[in-house]
Amino acid sequence: MRLSFLEPLYAEPGPYVSVYLDTSRNTEHPERAIALRWRRLRESLSRQGADRGLLTVLEEAVGSDTEVPGVHGQTLFAAHGTLVLNGELPWPPEHDSARYSTLPEAMPLVTQHVPEIPYMAVVVHYGGLPTAETHGWVTLEAETGTWPASTVTPGERLHRRVPVATWHRTALGLGHRLDERARRAHADAVVVGGDEWACNVLVRRLPHALRDKVVRVGGPTPTDTGRALLEPQLDGVFRGRMAVHDRELVNVFIGRRALAGPVAEGLAATVAALQRGQVAALLLNRPPESSLRLWVGSRPTQLALSEAELTSFGVPAPREERADEALVRALVGTGAELVVVPEGELMLEEGVGALLRYADAGTAS
């Protein structure tokens, strides 16, 4: 998982306000409920020391995701009187929260993007007889996205309405157009739903490489929900699945570890590699518990397990921070990726490891 979408978050120094809020609109009076939740968080932030300017900026943004229907959440980050990131959450947070802290609380946002699987969804509607020798229309809608984030931020949609009499012929050209879109999106899967006959015609005319990625799904296929195309089916297809890119990184890690290659494992070795800018991808079995702490300085690579270690590097005034916040900042600051891998796929020492860009005599192991 690439974390470049978090770069604006670290463009300004702290302190930051981090807000996670349920902004679902599946209730009778959603705006009233959102306002009540925000009022509680605002009071908490005021007690934590956030100034009025920060609170005003946040209040203007709270609930601004009015175009997103259904169940979802919103995350807001602000610093120095400026809103630095406004993101949508595929699912509402388990508990609304707001923190005023030196580093932003970005890990909950990151974990809502996992497993970040690129895909294309295709819905084909046709209400007539299963034959091309009749009157009527076949409609096709297609959308690329990255699951699960795209459930609340759907991508650009392709819409085509084709006379059923020409569907066999037109489906061939549409198949090549869908192939181009899927390639641009680096889609791991093509999820197809809708009328069985019309879908069969389309799938048989897809290029072979794309056809091999097709997953057929059933159930209702509405296209006007304001959410991702085939959202309920996507959840069933992708739950528990890793992105192809992430699985490739895990396989590389396993191979290198077997050959004593350039990897780090365990918290101490991984932190040492982050200090040196060696980490290409950080692997986690699970996000670190909020009680785990690291010592940090002002720069992303200034992190350590102890205050004495940072002081020995000449870092002035080290401070203790939550490990998850320090790790995310280090990954974004060094351009490293993050892979959350289930323990059943790969058991890591202390739940953490790293693929390294290089190794030298100073690399910890």
Protein backbone atom coordinates (compact mmCIF):
# COMPACT_ATOMS: atom_id res chain seq x y z
CA MET A 1 0.00 0.00 0.00
CA ARG A 2 1.43 3.35 -1.06
CA LEU A 3 0.97 6.22 1.40
CA SER A 4 1.52 9.20 -0.89
CA PHE A 5 -2.06 10.36 -0.18
CA LEU A 6 -0.82 11.28 3.31
CA GLU A 7 1.97 13.60 2.13
CA PRO A 8 -0.12 16.80 2.61
CA LEU A 9 -0.59 15.76 6.22
CA TYR A 10 3.11 16.14 7.00
CA ALA A 11 3.77 19.30 4.97
CA GLU A 12 3.20 21.34 8.13
CA PRO A 13 4.79 20.75 11.54
CA GLY A 14 2.53 19.94 14.49
CA PRO A 15 0.71 20.08 16.71
CA TYR A 16 -2.21 18.50 14.88
CA VAL A 17 -5.86 17.86 15.52
CA SER A 18 -7.01 14.42 14.33
CA VAL A 19 -10.76 13.81 14.15
CA TYR A 20 -12.61 10.58 13.35
CA LEU A 21 -16.37 11.01 13.15
CA ASP A 22 -19.40 8.96 12.15
CA THR A 23 -21.11 11.00 9.41
CA SER A 24 -23.55 8.30 8.25
CA ARG A 25 -26.73 9.50 6.61
CA ASN A 26 -28.89 6.45 7.12
CA THR A 27 -30.82 8.03 10.02
CA GLU A 28 -33.89 10.24 10.07
CA HIS A 29 -32.06 13.44 11.04
CA PRO A 30 -28.39 12.85 10.12
CA GLU A 31 -27.27 16.48 10.32
CA ARG A 32 -28.59 16.76 13.86
CA ALA A 33 -26.79 13.57 14.89
CA ILE A 34 -23.51 14.70 13.29
CA ALA A 35 -23.73 18.10 15.01
CA LEU A 36 -24.24 16.42 18.37
CA ARG A 37 -21.25 14.12 17.87
CA TRP A 38 -19.07 17.03 16.81
CA ARG A 39 -20.13 19.11 19.82
CA ARG A 40 -18.77 16.41 22.13
CA LEU A 41 -15.52 16.20 20.21
CA ARG A 42 -15.14 19.98 20.13
CA GLU A 43 -15.47 20.13 23.91
CA SER A 44 -12.84 17.40 24.25
CA LEU A 45 -10.43 19.23 21.91
CA SER A 46 -10.89 22.46 23.80
CA ARG A 47 -9.94 20.68 27.04
CA GLN A 48 -6.87 19.24 25.30
CA GLY A 49 -5.67 22.73 24.39
CA ALA A 50 -6.77 23.19 20.75
CA ASP A 51 -7.27 26.89 20.01
CA ARG A 52 -10.44 28.49 18.68
CA GLY A 53 -9.00 28.97 15.17
CA LEU A 54 -8.40 25.23 14.77
CA LEU A 55 -11.84 24.40 16.10
CA THR A 56 -13.50 26.84 13.70
CA VAL A 57 -11.68 25.37 10.70
CA LEU A 58 -12.75 21.88 11.71
CA GLU A 59 -16.34 22.88 12.37
CA GLU A 60 -16.66 24.27 8.85
CA ALA A 61 -15.55 20.91 7.43
CA VAL A 62 -17.48 18.54 9.71
CA GLY A 63 -20.31 16.91 7.79
CA SER A 64 -19.24 18.47 4.47
CA ASP A 65 -19.45 15.02 2.86
CA THR A 66 -23.15 15.50 2.14
CA GLU A 67 -22.87 13.88 -1.28
CA VAL A 68 -21.91 10.53 0.29
CA PRO A 69 -25.05 8.52 1.16
CA GLY A 70 -25.43 5.68 3.62
CA VAL A 71 -23.12 4.44 6.33
CA HIS A 72 -19.64 5.96 6.38
CA GLY A 73 -17.30 8.20 8.34
CA GLN A 74 -15.15 11.29 7.97
CA THR A 75 -11.63 12.04 9.13
CA LEU A 76 -10.22 15.56 9.45
CA PHE A 77 -6.72 16.78 10.20
CA ALA A 78 -5.82 20.38 10.95
CA ALA A 79 -2.71 22.27 12.04
CA HIS A 80 -1.91 25.95 12.57
CA GLY A 81 -5.42 27.08 11.72
CA THR A 82 -5.49 25.16 8.42
CA LEU A 83 -7.36 22.05 7.35
CA VAL A 84 -4.64 19.82 5.91
CA LEU A 85 -6.62 16.67 5.08
CA ASN A 86 -10.31 15.85 4.72
CA GLY A 87 -10.95 12.18 4.02
CA GLU A 88 -13.88 9.80 3.68
CA LEU A 89 -13.99 6.54 5.64
CA PRO A 90 -15.65 3.48 4.08
CA TRP A 91 -16.94 2.60 7.55
CA PRO A 92 -17.72 4.84 10.49
CA PRO A 93 -15.16 4.70 13.31
CA GLU A 94 -15.97 2.31 16.15
CA HIS A 95 -15.88 5.33 18.46
CA ASP A 96 -15.83 9.02 17.50
CA SER A 97 -12.48 10.47 18.57
CA ALA A 98 -10.49 13.70 18.52
CA ARG A 99 -6.87 14.17 19.56
CA TYR A 100 -4.66 17.23 19.83
CA SER A 101 -1.11 15.91 19.61
CA THR A 102 2.36 16.51 18.24
CA LEU A 103 1.94 13.90 15.50
CA PRO A 104 -1.27 13.18 13.57
CA GLU A 105 -3.18 10.01 14.36
CA ALA A 106 -3.08 8.62 10.83
CA MET A 107 -3.05 4.85 11.39
CA PRO A 108 -6.87 4.47 11.65
CA LEU A 109 -7.19 6.20 8.26
CA VAL A 110 -4.52 3.96 6.78
CA THR A 111 -6.14 0.77 8.06
CA GLN A 112 -9.48 1.80 6.50
CA HIS A 113 -7.68 1.80 3.12
CA VAL A 114 -6.38 -1.76 3.61
CA PRO A 115 -6.20 -4.01 1.60
CA GLU A 116 -6.33 -1.36 -1.18
CA ILE A 117 -7.27 -3.71 -4.01
CA PRO A 118 -7.57 -2.12 -7.47
CA TYR A 119 -10.52 -3.46 -9.44
CA MET A 120 -13.07 -2.78 -12.13
CA ALA A 121 -16.82 -3.31 -11.59
CA VAL A 122 -19.13 -3.90 -14.56
CA VAL A 123 -22.93 -4.06 -14.54
CA VAL A 124 -24.85 -5.16 -17.64
CA HIS A 125 -28.64 -4.64 -17.65
CA TYR A 126 -31.08 -6.17 -20.13
CA GLY A 127 -34.73 -6.94 -19.53
CA GLY A 128 -35.68 -8.88 -22.67
CA LEU A 129 -35.39 -12.38 -24.04
CA PRO A 130 -31.96 -14.07 -24.22
CA THR A 131 -31.54 -13.48 -27.94
CA ALA A 132 -30.12 -10.78 -30.15
CA GLU A 133 -33.05 -11.01 -32.57
CA THR A 134 -35.43 -8.71 -30.73
CA HIS A 135 -35.99 -5.08 -29.92
CA GLY A 136 -34.63 -3.45 -26.79
CA TRP A 137 -31.47 -2.12 -25.26
CA VAL A 138 -28.52 -3.40 -23.29
CA THR A 139 -27.00 -0.92 -20.84
CA LEU A 140 -23.47 -1.25 -19.53
CA GLU A 141 -21.89 0.67 -16.67
CA ALA A 142 -18.28 0.23 -15.61
CA GLU A 143 -16.22 1.83 -12.88
CA THR A 144 -12.66 1.36 -11.64
CA GLY A 145 -11.73 1.86 -8.03
CA THR A 146 -9.63 0.75 -5.10
CA TRP A 147 -11.46 -1.29 -2.50
CA PRO A 148 -12.57 -0.40 0.13
CA ALA A 149 -11.91 3.37 -0.14
CA SER A 150 -13.80 3.62 -3.43
CA THR A 151 -17.05 2.59 -1.74
CA VAL A 152 -17.43 6.21 -0.63
CA THR A 153 -15.30 7.83 -3.35
CA PRO A 154 -16.45 6.16 -6.58
CA GLY A 155 -14.39 6.73 -9.69
CA GLU A 156 -15.41 7.99 -13.13
CA ARG A 157 -18.09 5.79 -14.64
CA LEU A 158 -18.40 4.55 -18.22
CA HIS A 159 -21.99 4.32 -19.48
CA ARG A 160 -23.09 2.73 -22.75
CA ARG A 161 -26.58 1.96 -24.16
CA VAL A 162 -26.51 -0.51 -27.04
CA PRO A 163 -29.31 -1.90 -29.24
CA VAL A 164 -29.70 -5.56 -28.32
CA ALA A 165 -29.59 -6.52 -32.00
CA THR A 166 -25.96 -5.31 -32.18
CA TRP A 167 -24.88 -6.45 -28.70
CA HIS A 168 -22.76 -9.38 -29.91
CA ARG A 169 -20.80 -7.14 -32.26
CA THR A 170 -20.60 -4.09 -29.99
CA ALA A 171 -19.51 -6.16 -26.98
CA LEU A 172 -16.23 -6.96 -28.75
CA GLY A 173 -15.26 -3.30 -29.03
CA LEU A 174 -16.48 -2.59 -25.50
CA GLY A 175 -14.32 -5.45 -24.25
CA HIS A 176 -11.19 -3.78 -25.60
CA ARG A 177 -12.21 -0.46 -24.07
CA LEU A 178 -12.77 -2.13 -20.71
CA ASP A 179 -9.38 -3.80 -21.04
CA GLU A 180 -7.72 -0.39 -21.51
CA ARG A 181 -9.44 0.97 -18.40
CA ALA A 182 -8.53 -2.08 -16.33
CA ARG A 183 -4.89 -1.83 -17.40
CA ARG A 184 -4.71 1.85 -16.45
CA ALA A 185 -6.17 1.01 -13.04
CA HIS A 186 -3.87 -2.05 -12.62
CA ALA A 187 -7.04 -3.95 -11.72
CA ASP A 188 -6.55 -7.20 -9.80
CA ALA A 189 -10.12 -8.32 -10.56
CA VAL A 190 -13.06 -7.53 -12.84
CA VAL A 191 -16.32 -7.99 -10.94
CA VAL A 192 -19.27 -8.51 -13.30
CA GLY A 193 -22.97 -8.57 -12.42
CA GLY A 194 -26.33 -8.15 -14.12
CA ASP A 195 -28.34 -10.03 -16.72
CA GLU A 196 -26.87 -13.50 -17.23
CA TRP A 197 -27.25 -13.68 -21.01
CA ALA A 198 -25.90 -10.19 -21.68
CA CYS A 199 -23.01 -10.73 -19.24
CA ASN A 200 -22.11 -14.02 -20.90
CA VAL A 201 -21.92 -12.32 -24.29
CA LEU A 202 -19.63 -9.62 -22.91
CA VAL A 203 -17.33 -11.91 -20.92
CA ARG A 204 -16.79 -14.23 -23.90
CA ARG A 205 -15.63 -11.23 -25.93
CA LEU A 206 -13.18 -9.82 -23.40
CA PRO A 207 -9.46 -10.12 -24.17
CA HIS A 208 -8.05 -13.30 -22.59
CA ALA A 209 -5.93 -11.51 -19.97
CA LEU A 210 -8.96 -9.57 -18.74
CA ARG A 211 -11.29 -12.56 -18.92
CA ASP A 212 -9.00 -14.45 -16.53
CA LYS A 213 -9.64 -11.76 -13.90
CA VAL A 214 -13.44 -11.91 -14.11
CA VAL A 215 -15.44 -12.69 -10.98
CA ARG A 216 -19.16 -13.19 -11.64
CA VAL A 217 -21.56 -12.08 -8.89
CA GLY A 218 -25.30 -12.27 -8.39
CA GLY A 219 -27.80 -10.26 -6.43
CA PRO A 220 -29.31 -6.81 -7.02
CA THR A 221 -27.25 -4.51 -9.24
CA PRO A 222 -28.57 -0.94 -8.79
CA THR A 223 -26.45 1.73 -10.44
CA ASP A 224 -27.93 4.88 -8.88
CA THR A 225 -26.99 4.51 -5.20
CA GLY A 226 -24.29 7.20 -5.14
CA ARG A 227 -21.92 4.54 -3.80
CA ALA A 228 -19.48 2.25 -5.60
CA LEU A 229 -20.87 0.11 -8.38
CA LEU A 230 -21.61 -3.40 -7.02
CA GLU A 231 -20.64 -2.29 -3.49
CA PRO A 232 -22.33 -5.18 -1.60
CA GLN A 233 -20.82 -7.76 -3.93
CA LEU A 234 -17.36 -6.18 -3.74
CA ASP A 235 -17.31 -6.71 0.00
CA GLY A 236 -17.97 -10.41 -0.48
CA VAL A 237 -15.35 -10.76 -3.21
CA PHE A 238 -12.51 -8.90 -1.47
CA ARG A 239 -13.01 -9.54 2.25
CA GLY A 240 -9.96 -11.39 3.59
CA ARG A 241 -8.09 -10.99 0.31
CA MET A 242 -4.73 -9.27 -0.21
CA ALA A 243 -3.90 -7.04 -3.15
CA VAL A 244 -1.75 -8.80 -5.76
CA HIS A 245 0.98 -6.17 -5.33
CA ASP A 246 1.07 -6.65 -1.56
CA ARG A 247 1.18 -10.44 -1.89
CA GLU A 248 4.14 -10.11 -4.24
CA LEU A 249 5.95 -8.03 -1.60
CA VAL A 250 5.20 -10.68 1.03
CA ASN A 251 6.56 -13.40 -1.23
CA VAL A 252 9.73 -11.38 -1.81
CA PHE A 253 10.13 -10.98 1.95
CA ILE A 254 9.72 -14.73 2.52
CA GLY A 255 12.28 -15.52 -0.19
CA ARG A 256 14.83 -13.01 1.08
CA ARG A 257 14.40 -14.11 4.68
CA ALA A 258 15.09 -17.72 3.70
CA LEU A 259 18.34 -16.64 2.05
CA ALA A 260 19.35 -14.15 4.79
CA GLY A 261 18.78 -11.36 2.27
CA PRO A 262 18.03 -7.66 2.79
CA VAL A 263 15.13 -7.76 5.25
CA ALA A 264 14.61 -6.67 8.84
CA GLU A 265 12.39 -8.37 11.40
CA GLY A 266 11.36 -7.38 14.88
CA LEU A 267 10.78 -3.87 16.17
CA ALA A 268 14.39 -2.94 16.97
CA ALA A 269 15.76 -4.05 13.58
CA THR A 270 12.90 -2.41 11.68
CA VAL A 271 13.27 0.91 13.53
CA ALA A 272 17.01 0.85 12.83
CA ALA A 273 16.30 0.36 9.12
CA LEU A 274 13.81 3.26 9.12
CA GLN A 275 16.44 5.48 10.72
CA ARG A 276 18.72 4.79 7.75
CA GLY A 277 16.01 5.23 5.10
CA GLN A 278 16.47 1.60 4.04
CA VAL A 279 12.85 0.45 4.19
CA ALA A 280 11.09 -0.11 0.88
CA ALA A 281 8.02 -1.69 2.52
CA LEU A 282 7.01 -2.13 6.15
CA LEU A 283 5.13 -5.36 6.92
CA LEU A 284 2.76 -5.52 9.89
CA ASN A 285 0.66 -8.39 11.20
CA ARG A 286 -1.53 -5.75 12.86
CA PRO A 287 -1.27 -2.03 13.63
CA PRO A 288 0.77 -1.41 16.81
CA GLU A 289 -1.20 -1.10 20.02
CA SER A 290 -1.72 2.49 21.15
CA SER A 291 0.27 1.78 24.32
CA LEU A 292 3.49 1.07 22.38
CA ARG A 293 5.80 4.09 22.35
CA LEU A 294 8.84 5.27 20.38
CA TRP A 295 11.09 8.28 20.84
CA VAL A 296 11.14 10.77 17.97
CA GLY A 297 12.73 13.99 16.81
CA SER A 298 11.58 16.59 14.31
CA ARG A 299 12.42 14.56 11.17
CA PRO A 300 10.69 11.37 9.93
CA THR A 301 13.83 9.23 10.25
CA GLN A 302 14.48 10.41 13.80
CA LEU A 303 12.85 7.58 15.75
CA ALA A 304 14.24 5.11 18.26
CA LEU A 305 13.31 2.74 21.04
CA SER A 306 14.94 4.93 23.70
CA GLU A 307 15.62 8.57 24.43
CA ALA A 308 19.31 7.83 24.94
CA GLU A 309 19.65 6.43 21.41
CA LEU A 310 18.25 9.57 19.78
CA THR A 311 20.35 11.78 22.04
CA SER A 312 23.46 9.86 20.96
CA PHE A 313 22.58 10.75 17.35
CA GLY A 314 22.57 14.44 18.27
CA VAL A 315 18.78 14.84 18.11
CA PRO A 316 17.79 17.77 20.33
CA ALA A 317 14.91 17.37 22.78
CA PRO A 318 13.57 13.91 21.82
CA ARG A 319 10.00 13.21 22.84
CA GLU A 320 7.99 10.04 23.40
CA GLU A 321 5.12 9.40 20.95
CA ARG A 322 2.78 6.60 19.99
CA ALA A 323 4.58 4.04 17.85
CA ASP A 324 1.86 3.90 15.18
CA GLU A 325 2.06 7.67 14.64
CA ALA A 326 5.87 7.63 14.48
CA LEU A 327 5.91 4.70 12.05
CA VAL A 328 3.39 6.22 9.63
CA ARG A 329 5.33 9.51 9.58
CA ALA A 330 8.57 7.63 8.88
CA LEU A 331 6.99 5.66 6.03
CA VAL A 332 5.50 8.75 4.37
CA GLY A 333 8.70 10.74 4.85
CA THR A 334 10.87 8.05 3.24
CA GLY A 335 8.45 6.97 0.51
CA ALA A 336 8.06 3.45 1.90
CA GLU A 337 5.01 1.25 1.44
CA LEU A 338 2.91 -0.48 4.09
CA VAL A 339 1.63 -4.05 3.92
CA VAL A 340 -0.75 -5.43 6.54
CA VAL A 341 -0.39 -9.21 6.27
CA PRO A 342 -2.47 -11.69 8.31
CA GLU A 343 -0.51 -13.89 10.69
CA GLY A 344 -1.88 -16.90 8.84
CA GLU A 345 -0.04 -15.71 5.72
CA LEU A 346 3.21 -14.72 7.43
CA MET A 347 4.11 -14.68 11.13
CA LEU A 348 6.51 -11.82 11.85
CA GLU A 349 8.70 -11.45 14.93
CA GLU A 350 6.92 -8.94 17.22
CA GLY A 351 4.45 -8.55 14.38
CA VAL A 352 6.72 -6.30 12.29
CA GLY A 353 9.28 -6.63 9.50
CA ALA A 354 10.59 -4.76 6.49
CA LEU A 355 11.78 -5.26 2.94
CA LEU A 356 14.95 -3.20 2.56
CA ARG A 357 16.13 -1.11 -0.37
CA TYR A 358 19.71 -2.12 0.40
CA ALA A 359 21.77 -3.72 3.14
CA ASP A 360 25.22 -2.90 4.42
CA ALA A 361 27.46 -3.64 7.39
CA GLY A 362 25.37 -1.36 9.59
CA THR A 363 22.07 -3.09 8.86
CA ALA A 364 20.48 -4.66 11.93
CA SER A 365 19.10 -8.19 11.66
